[in-house]
Amino acid sequence: MKSLVIKLDTINDVKNFVNIVSKYDFDVDLVSGRYAVDAKSIMGIFSLDLAKSIKMEIYSDDCAAFLDEVKDFSVDK
């Protein structure tokens, strides 16, 4: 499992992020406070407080291509 802190600032960011995550077979969760949602669920993401950074948990060790695609959303650029 790998973790990364991301920021989704706009509606288009959320849409683009979900499109990227949906291409991969492994599970990805977004955690904000005590809430965790499936990163492939656009409605789930909009239920989070997007004003804050969000912790992304990736349940795969073979995710280098995915991490490369989502690097633009990373807080630690």
PDB file of N, CA and C in Angstrom:
ATOM      1  N   MET A   1       0.836  -1.182   0.000  1.00  0.00           N
ATOM      2  CA  MET A   1       0.000   0.000   0.000  1.00  0.00           C
ATOM      3  C   MET A   1       0.884   1.250   0.000  1.00  0.00           C
ATOM      4  N   LYS A   2       0.477   2.221  -0.766  1.00  0.00           N
ATOM      5  CA  LYS A   2       1.193   3.492  -0.821  1.00  0.00           C
ATOM      6  C   LYS A   2       0.219   4.607  -0.490  1.00  0.00           C
ATOM      7  N   SER A   3       0.745   5.710   0.039  1.00  0.00           N
ATOM      8  CA  SER A   3      -0.082   6.868   0.376  1.00  0.00           C
ATOM      9  C   SER A   3       0.514   8.121  -0.243  1.00  0.00           C
ATOM     10  N   LEU A   4      -0.373   9.060  -0.552  1.00  0.00           N
ATOM     11  CA  LEU A   4       0.033  10.320  -1.150  1.00  0.00           C
ATOM     12  C   LEU A   4      -0.990  11.370  -0.746  1.00  0.00           C
ATOM     13  N   VAL A   5      -0.555  12.572  -0.479  1.00  0.00           N
ATOM     14  CA  VAL A   5      -1.481  13.664  -0.145  1.00  0.00           C
ATOM     15  C   VAL A   5      -1.747  14.453  -1.424  1.00  0.00           C
ATOM     16  N   ILE A   6      -3.040  14.638  -1.728  1.00  0.00           N
ATOM     17  CA  ILE A   6      -3.432  15.329  -2.950  1.00  0.00           C
ATOM     18  C   ILE A   6      -4.357  16.492  -2.631  1.00  0.00           C
ATOM     19  N   LYS A   7      -4.566  17.335  -3.621  1.00  0.00           N
ATOM     20  CA  LYS A   7      -5.483  18.471  -3.510  1.00  0.00           C
ATOM     21  C   LYS A   7      -6.287  18.535  -4.799  1.00  0.00           C
ATOM     22  N   LEU A   8      -7.610  18.546  -4.661  1.00  0.00           N
ATOM     23  CA  LEU A   8      -8.512  18.659  -5.803  1.00  0.00           C
ATOM     24  C   LEU A   8      -9.224  20.002  -5.673  1.00  0.00           C
ATOM     25  N   ASP A   9      -8.795  20.982  -6.475  1.00  0.00           N
ATOM     26  CA  ASP A   9      -9.271  22.359  -6.304  1.00  0.00           C
ATOM     27  C   ASP A   9     -10.561  22.682  -7.065  1.00  0.00           C
ATOM     28  N   THR A  10     -10.754  22.064  -8.212  1.00  0.00           N
ATOM     29  CA  THR A  10     -11.902  22.434  -9.054  1.00  0.00           C
ATOM     30  C   THR A  10     -12.726  21.206  -9.416  1.00  0.00           C
ATOM     31  N   ILE A  11     -13.906  21.455  -9.965  1.00  0.00           N
ATOM     32  CA  ILE A  11     -14.761  20.364 -10.441  1.00  0.00           C
ATOM     33  C   ILE A  11     -14.041  19.585 -11.538  1.00  0.00           C
ATOM     34  N   ASN A  12     -13.346  20.285 -12.418  1.00  0.00           N
ATOM     35  CA  ASN A  12     -12.597  19.608 -13.478  1.00  0.00           C
ATOM     36  C   ASN A  12     -11.477  18.744 -12.919  1.00  0.00           C
ATOM     37  N   ASP A  13     -10.834  19.196 -11.830  1.00  0.00           N
ATOM     38  CA  ASP A  13      -9.810  18.368 -11.183  1.00  0.00           C
ATOM     39  C   ASP A  13     -10.412  17.045 -10.715  1.00  0.00           C
ATOM     40  N   VAL A  14     -11.589  17.124 -10.088  1.00  0.00           N
ATOM     41  CA  VAL A  14     -12.251  15.916  -9.585  1.00  0.00           C
ATOM     42  C   VAL A  14     -12.602  14.996 -10.754  1.00  0.00           C
ATOM     43  N   LYS A  15     -13.172  15.549 -11.812  1.00  0.00           N
ATOM     44  CA  LYS A  15     -13.559  14.757 -12.977  1.00  0.00           C
ATOM     45  C   LYS A  15     -12.339  14.082 -13.611  1.00  0.00           C
ATOM     46  N   ASN A  16     -11.269  14.827 -13.812  1.00  0.00           N
ATOM     47  CA  ASN A  16     -10.047  14.275 -14.402  1.00  0.00           C
ATOM     48  C   ASN A  16      -9.428  13.205 -13.505  1.00  0.00           C
ATOM     49  N   PHE A  17      -9.428  13.457 -12.196  1.00  0.00           N
ATOM     50  CA  PHE A  17      -8.884  12.500 -11.233  1.00  0.00           C
ATOM     51  C   PHE A  17      -9.658  11.183 -11.281  1.00  0.00           C
ATOM     52  N   VAL A  18     -10.983  11.251 -11.270  1.00  0.00           N
ATOM     53  CA  VAL A  18     -11.814  10.035 -11.311  1.00  0.00           C
ATOM     54  C   VAL A  18     -11.587   9.276 -12.613  1.00  0.00           C
ATOM     55  N   ASN A  19     -11.448   9.991 -13.729  1.00  0.00           N
ATOM     56  CA  ASN A  19     -11.181   9.327 -15.009  1.00  0.00           C
ATOM     57  C   ASN A  19      -9.857   8.572 -14.982  1.00  0.00           C
ATOM     58  N   ILE A  20      -8.844   9.147 -14.353  1.00  0.00           N
ATOM     59  CA  ILE A  20      -7.541   8.488 -14.254  1.00  0.00           C
ATOM     60  C   ILE A  20      -7.641   7.251 -13.356  1.00  0.00           C
ATOM     61  N   VAL A  21      -8.225   7.413 -12.170  1.00  0.00           N
ATOM     62  CA  VAL A  21      -8.306   6.310 -11.203  1.00  0.00           C
ATOM     63  C   VAL A  21      -9.115   5.144 -11.771  1.00  0.00           C
ATOM     64  N   SER A  22     -10.168   5.445 -12.517  1.00  0.00           N
ATOM     65  CA  SER A  22     -11.062   4.404 -13.035  1.00  0.00           C
ATOM     66  C   SER A  22     -10.392   3.491 -14.053  1.00  0.00           C
ATOM     67  N   LYS A  23      -9.277   3.920 -14.620  1.00  0.00           N
ATOM     68  CA  LYS A  23      -8.562   3.098 -15.599  1.00  0.00           C
ATOM     69  C   LYS A  23      -7.809   1.937 -14.962  1.00  0.00           C
ATOM     70  N   TYR A  24      -7.621   1.968 -13.646  1.00  0.00           N
ATOM     71  CA  TYR A  24      -6.786   0.981 -12.963  1.00  0.00           C
ATOM     72  C   TYR A  24      -7.634  -0.010 -12.178  1.00  0.00           C
ATOM     73  N   ASP A  25      -7.140  -1.271 -12.103  1.00  0.00           N
ATOM     74  CA  ASP A  25      -7.879  -2.347 -11.441  1.00  0.00           C
ATOM     75  C   ASP A  25      -7.802  -2.303  -9.929  1.00  0.00           C
ATOM     76  N   PHE A  26      -6.738  -1.751  -9.378  1.00  0.00           N
ATOM     77  CA  PHE A  26      -6.582  -1.774  -7.923  1.00  0.00           C
ATOM     78  C   PHE A  26      -7.481  -0.725  -7.245  1.00  0.00           C
ATOM     79  N   ASP A  27      -7.667  -0.908  -5.941  1.00  0.00           N
ATOM     80  CA  ASP A  27      -8.513  -0.002  -5.166  1.00  0.00           C
ATOM     81  C   ASP A  27      -7.718   1.213  -4.708  1.00  0.00           C
ATOM     82  N   VAL A  28      -8.398   2.350  -4.716  1.00  0.00           N
ATOM     83  CA  VAL A  28      -7.821   3.596  -4.224  1.00  0.00           C
ATOM     84  C   VAL A  28      -8.884   4.265  -3.359  1.00  0.00           C
ATOM     85  N   ASP A  29      -8.505   4.643  -2.148  1.00  0.00           N
ATOM     86  CA  ASP A  29      -9.412   5.350  -1.245  1.00  0.00           C
ATOM     87  C   ASP A  29      -8.898   6.756  -1.001  1.00  0.00           C
ATOM     88  N   LEU A  30      -9.823   7.670  -0.743  1.00  0.00           N
ATOM     89  CA  LEU A  30      -9.478   9.018  -0.312  1.00  0.00           C
ATOM     90  C   LEU A  30      -9.939   9.174   1.126  1.00  0.00           C
ATOM     91  N   VAL A  31      -9.048   9.669   1.979  1.00  0.00           N
ATOM     92  CA  VAL A  31      -9.338   9.796   3.401  1.00  0.00           C
ATOM     93  C   VAL A  31      -9.227  11.256   3.802  1.00  0.00           C
ATOM     94  N   SER A  32     -10.310  11.759   4.396  1.00  0.00           N
ATOM     95  CA  SER A  32     -10.331  13.132   4.900  1.00  0.00           C
ATOM     96  C   SER A  32     -10.954  13.090   6.287  1.00  0.00           C
ATOM     97  N   GLY A  33     -10.116  13.333   7.289  1.00  0.00           N
ATOM     98  CA  GLY A  33     -10.610  13.226   8.664  1.00  0.00           C
ATOM     99  C   GLY A  33     -10.995  11.791   8.968  1.00  0.00           C
ATOM    100  N   ARG A  34     -12.230  11.595   9.410  1.00  0.00           N
ATOM    101  CA  ARG A  34     -12.673  10.224   9.721  1.00  0.00           C
ATOM    102  C   ARG A  34     -13.453   9.590   8.583  1.00  0.00           C
ATOM    103  N   TYR A  35     -13.515  10.254   7.443  1.00  0.00           N
ATOM    104  CA  TYR A  35     -14.254   9.739   6.294  1.00  0.00           C
ATOM    105  C   TYR A  35     -13.306   9.154   5.254  1.00  0.00           C
ATOM    106  N   ALA A  36     -13.698   8.012   4.711  1.00  0.00           N
ATOM    107  CA  ALA A  36     -12.942   7.380   3.624  1.00  0.00           C
ATOM    108  C   ALA A  36     -13.927   7.036   2.516  1.00  0.00           C
ATOM    109  N   VAL A  37     -13.586   7.407   1.287  1.00  0.00           N
ATOM    110  CA  VAL A  37     -14.463   7.121   0.149  1.00  0.00           C
ATOM    111  C   VAL A  37     -13.652   6.475  -0.964  1.00  0.00           C
ATOM    112  N   ASP A  38     -14.352   5.760  -1.827  1.00  0.00           N
ATOM    113  CA  ASP A  38     -13.748   5.150  -3.008  1.00  0.00           C
ATOM    114  C   ASP A  38     -13.357   6.266  -3.972  1.00  0.00           C
ATOM    115  N   ALA A  39     -12.108   6.284  -4.402  1.00  0.00           N
ATOM    116  CA  ALA A  39     -11.620   7.348  -5.288  1.00  0.00           C
ATOM    117  C   ALA A  39     -12.230   7.257  -6.686  1.00  0.00           C
ATOM    118  N   LYS A  40     -12.893   6.159  -6.998  1.00  0.00           N
ATOM    119  CA  LYS A  40     -13.550   6.014  -8.296  1.00  0.00           C
ATOM    120  C   LYS A  40     -14.976   6.558  -8.276  1.00  0.00           C
ATOM    121  N   SER A  41     -15.421   7.049  -7.115  1.00  0.00           N
ATOM    122  CA  SER A  41     -16.781   7.561  -6.949  1.00  0.00           C
ATOM    123  C   SER A  41     -16.775   9.087  -6.933  1.00  0.00           C
ATOM    124  N   ILE A  42     -17.281   9.683  -7.992  1.00  0.00           N
ATOM    125  CA  ILE A  42     -17.304  11.150  -8.063  1.00  0.00           C
ATOM    126  C   ILE A  42     -18.209  11.737  -6.978  1.00  0.00           C
ATOM    127  N   MET A  43     -19.315  11.061  -6.690  1.00  0.00           N
ATOM    128  CA  MET A  43     -20.214  11.530  -5.627  1.00  0.00           C
ATOM    129  C   MET A  43     -19.543  11.408  -4.261  1.00  0.00           C
ATOM    130  N   GLY A  44     -18.796  10.332  -4.064  1.00  0.00           N
ATOM    131  CA  GLY A  44     -18.076  10.157  -2.807  1.00  0.00           C
ATOM    132  C   GLY A  44     -17.057  11.257  -2.586  1.00  0.00           C
ATOM    133  N   ILE A  45     -16.342  11.616  -3.646  1.00  0.00           N
ATOM    134  CA  ILE A  45     -15.336  12.673  -3.537  1.00  0.00           C
ATOM    135  C   ILE A  45     -15.985  14.008  -3.194  1.00  0.00           C
ATOM    136  N   PHE A  46     -17.124  14.305  -3.812  1.00  0.00           N
ATOM    137  CA  PHE A  46     -17.795  15.574  -3.522  1.00  0.00           C
ATOM    138  C   PHE A  46     -18.384  15.609  -2.112  1.00  0.00           C
ATOM    139  N   SER A  47     -18.468  14.461  -1.431  1.00  0.00           N
ATOM    140  CA  SER A  47     -18.945  14.464  -0.047  1.00  0.00           C
ATOM    141  C   SER A  47     -17.831  14.847   0.927  1.00  0.00           C
ATOM    142  N   LEU A  48     -16.586  14.903   0.436  1.00  0.00           N
ATOM    143  CA  LEU A  48     -15.448  15.286   1.276  1.00  0.00           C
ATOM    144  C   LEU A  48     -15.274  16.803   1.284  1.00  0.00           C
ATOM    145  N   ASP A  49     -14.527  17.295   2.268  1.00  0.00           N
ATOM    146  CA  ASP A  49     -14.188  18.713   2.340  1.00  0.00           C
ATOM    147  C   ASP A  49     -13.009  18.968   1.403  1.00  0.00           C
ATOM    148  N   LEU A  50     -13.307  19.470   0.203  1.00  0.00           N
ATOM    149  CA  LEU A  50     -12.260  19.661  -0.807  1.00  0.00           C
ATOM    150  C   LEU A  50     -11.417  20.911  -0.564  1.00  0.00           C
ATOM    151  N   ALA A  51     -11.756  21.689   0.450  1.00  0.00           N
ATOM    152  CA  ALA A  51     -10.938  22.850   0.796  1.00  0.00           C
ATOM    153  C   ALA A  51      -9.628  22.410   1.451  1.00  0.00           C
ATOM    154  N   LYS A  52      -9.604  21.189   1.954  1.00  0.00           N
ATOM    155  CA  LYS A  52      -8.416  20.652   2.622  1.00  0.00           C
ATOM    156  C   LYS A  52      -7.715  19.640   1.723  1.00  0.00           C
ATOM    157  N   SER A  53      -6.476  19.362   2.057  1.00  0.00           N
ATOM    158  CA  SER A  53      -5.748  18.293   1.369  1.00  0.00           C
ATOM    159  C   SER A  53      -6.361  16.956   1.753  1.00  0.00           C
ATOM    160  N   ILE A  54      -6.236  15.973   0.871  1.00  0.00           N
ATOM    161  CA  ILE A  54      -6.846  14.659   1.064  1.00  0.00           C
ATOM    162  C   ILE A  54      -5.760  13.603   0.963  1.00  0.00           C
ATOM    163  N   LYS A  55      -5.803  12.621   1.850  1.00  0.00           N
ATOM    164  CA  LYS A  55      -4.839  11.521   1.802  1.00  0.00           C
ATOM    165  C   LYS A  55      -5.384  10.450   0.860  1.00  0.00           C
ATOM    166  N   MET A  56      -4.578  10.062  -0.112  1.00  0.00           N
ATOM    167  CA  MET A  56      -4.945   9.020  -1.053  1.00  0.00           C
ATOM    168  C   MET A  56      -4.193   7.750  -0.668  1.00  0.00           C
ATOM    169  N   GLU A  57      -4.936   6.648  -0.487  1.00  0.00           N
ATOM    170  CA  GLU A  57      -4.338   5.368  -0.159  1.00  0.00           C
ATOM    171  C   GLU A  57      -4.518   4.426  -1.340  1.00  0.00           C
ATOM    172  N   ILE A  58      -3.408   3.930  -1.862  1.00  0.00           N
ATOM    173  CA  ILE A  58      -3.394   3.069  -3.036  1.00  0.00           C
ATOM    174  C   ILE A  58      -3.086   1.651  -2.577  1.00  0.00           C
ATOM    175  N   TYR A  59      -3.984   0.722  -2.877  1.00  0.00           N
ATOM    176  CA  TYR A  59      -3.844  -0.659  -2.422  1.00  0.00           C
ATOM    177  C   TYR A  59      -3.190  -1.526  -3.493  1.00  0.00           C
ATOM    178  N   SER A  60      -1.991  -1.116  -3.879  1.00  0.00           N
ATOM    179  CA  SER A  60      -1.203  -1.861  -4.857  1.00  0.00           C
ATOM    180  C   SER A  60       0.247  -1.414  -4.734  1.00  0.00           C
ATOM    181  N   ASP A  61       1.163  -2.347  -4.949  1.00  0.00           N
ATOM    182  CA  ASP A  61       2.572  -1.975  -4.959  1.00  0.00           C
ATOM    183  C   ASP A  61       3.056  -1.702  -6.372  1.00  0.00           C
ATOM    184  N   ASP A  62       2.267  -2.099  -7.363  1.00  0.00           N
ATOM    185  CA  ASP A  62       2.618  -1.915  -8.771  1.00  0.00           C
ATOM    186  C   ASP A  62       1.792  -0.749  -9.334  1.00  0.00           C
ATOM    187  N   CYS A  63       2.117   0.461  -8.871  1.00  0.00           N
ATOM    188  CA  CYS A  63       1.293   1.614  -9.239  1.00  0.00           C
ATOM    189  C   CYS A  63       2.124   2.792  -9.750  1.00  0.00           C
ATOM    190  N   ALA A  64       3.300   2.527 -10.278  1.00  0.00           N
ATOM    191  CA  ALA A  64       4.181   3.605 -10.742  1.00  0.00           C
ATOM    192  C   ALA A  64       3.535   4.420 -11.858  1.00  0.00           C
ATOM    193  N   ALA A  65       2.880   3.753 -12.804  1.00  0.00           N
ATOM    194  CA  ALA A  65       2.223   4.475 -13.906  1.00  0.00           C
ATOM    195  C   ALA A  65       1.096   5.347 -13.379  1.00  0.00           C
ATOM    196  N   PHE A  66       0.342   4.818 -12.416  1.00  0.00           N
ATOM    197  CA  PHE A  66      -0.743   5.587 -11.801  1.00  0.00           C
ATOM    198  C   PHE A  66      -0.198   6.816 -11.074  1.00  0.00           C
ATOM    199  N   LEU A  67       0.837   6.627 -10.283  1.00  0.00           N
ATOM    200  CA  LEU A  67       1.434   7.749  -9.546  1.00  0.00           C
ATOM    201  C   LEU A  67       1.943   8.825 -10.495  1.00  0.00           C
ATOM    202  N   ASP A  68       2.469   8.413 -11.639  1.00  0.00           N
ATOM    203  CA  ASP A  68       2.937   9.369 -12.637  1.00  0.00           C
ATOM    204  C   ASP A  68       1.772  10.183 -13.201  1.00  0.00           C
ATOM    205  N   GLU A  69       0.619   9.529 -13.403  1.00  0.00           N
ATOM    206  CA  GLU A  69      -0.542  10.227 -13.953  1.00  0.00           C
ATOM    207  C   GLU A  69      -1.176  11.209 -12.966  1.00  0.00           C
ATOM    208  N   VAL A  70      -1.120  10.892 -11.673  1.00  0.00           N
ATOM    209  CA  VAL A  70      -1.770  11.758 -10.678  1.00  0.00           C
ATOM    210  C   VAL A  70      -0.800  12.732 -10.007  1.00  0.00           C
ATOM    211  N   LYS A  71       0.432  12.796 -10.485  1.00  0.00           N
ATOM    212  CA  LYS A  71       1.433  13.667  -9.831  1.00  0.00           C
ATOM    213  C   LYS A  71       1.031  15.142  -9.841  1.00  0.00           C
ATOM    214  N   ASP A  72       0.219  15.561 -10.810  1.00  0.00           N
ATOM    215  CA  ASP A  72      -0.207  16.966 -10.861  1.00  0.00           C
ATOM    216  C   ASP A  72      -1.127  17.340  -9.705  1.00  0.00           C
ATOM    217  N   PHE A  73      -1.768  16.350  -9.095  1.00  0.00           N
ATOM    218  CA  PHE A  73      -2.665  16.604  -7.962  1.00  0.00           C
ATOM    219  C   PHE A  73      -1.937  16.553  -6.628  1.00  0.00           C
ATOM    220  N   SER A  74      -0.688  16.124  -6.644  1.00  0.00           N
ATOM    221  CA  SER A  74       0.084  15.933  -5.416  1.00  0.00           C
ATOM    222  C   SER A  74       0.390  17.274  -4.744  1.00  0.00           C
ATOM    223  N   VAL A  75       0.308  17.270  -3.420  1.00  0.00           N
ATOM    224  CA  VAL A  75       0.661  18.457  -2.633  1.00  0.00           C
ATOM    225  C   VAL A  75       2.186  18.585  -2.569  1.00  0.00           C
ATOM    226  N   ASP A  76       2.890  17.442  -2.613  1.00  0.00           N
ATOM    227  CA  ASP A  76       4.349  17.395  -2.481  1.00  0.00           C
ATOM    228  C   ASP A  76       5.033  17.395  -3.838  1.00  0.00           C
ATOM    229  N   LYS A  77       4.703  18.343  -4.705  1.00  0.00           N
ATOM    230  CA  LYS A  77       5.250  18.365  -6.077  1.00  0.00           C
ATOM    231  C   LYS A  77       6.733  18.587  -6.094  1.00  0.00           C
TER     232      LYS A  77
END
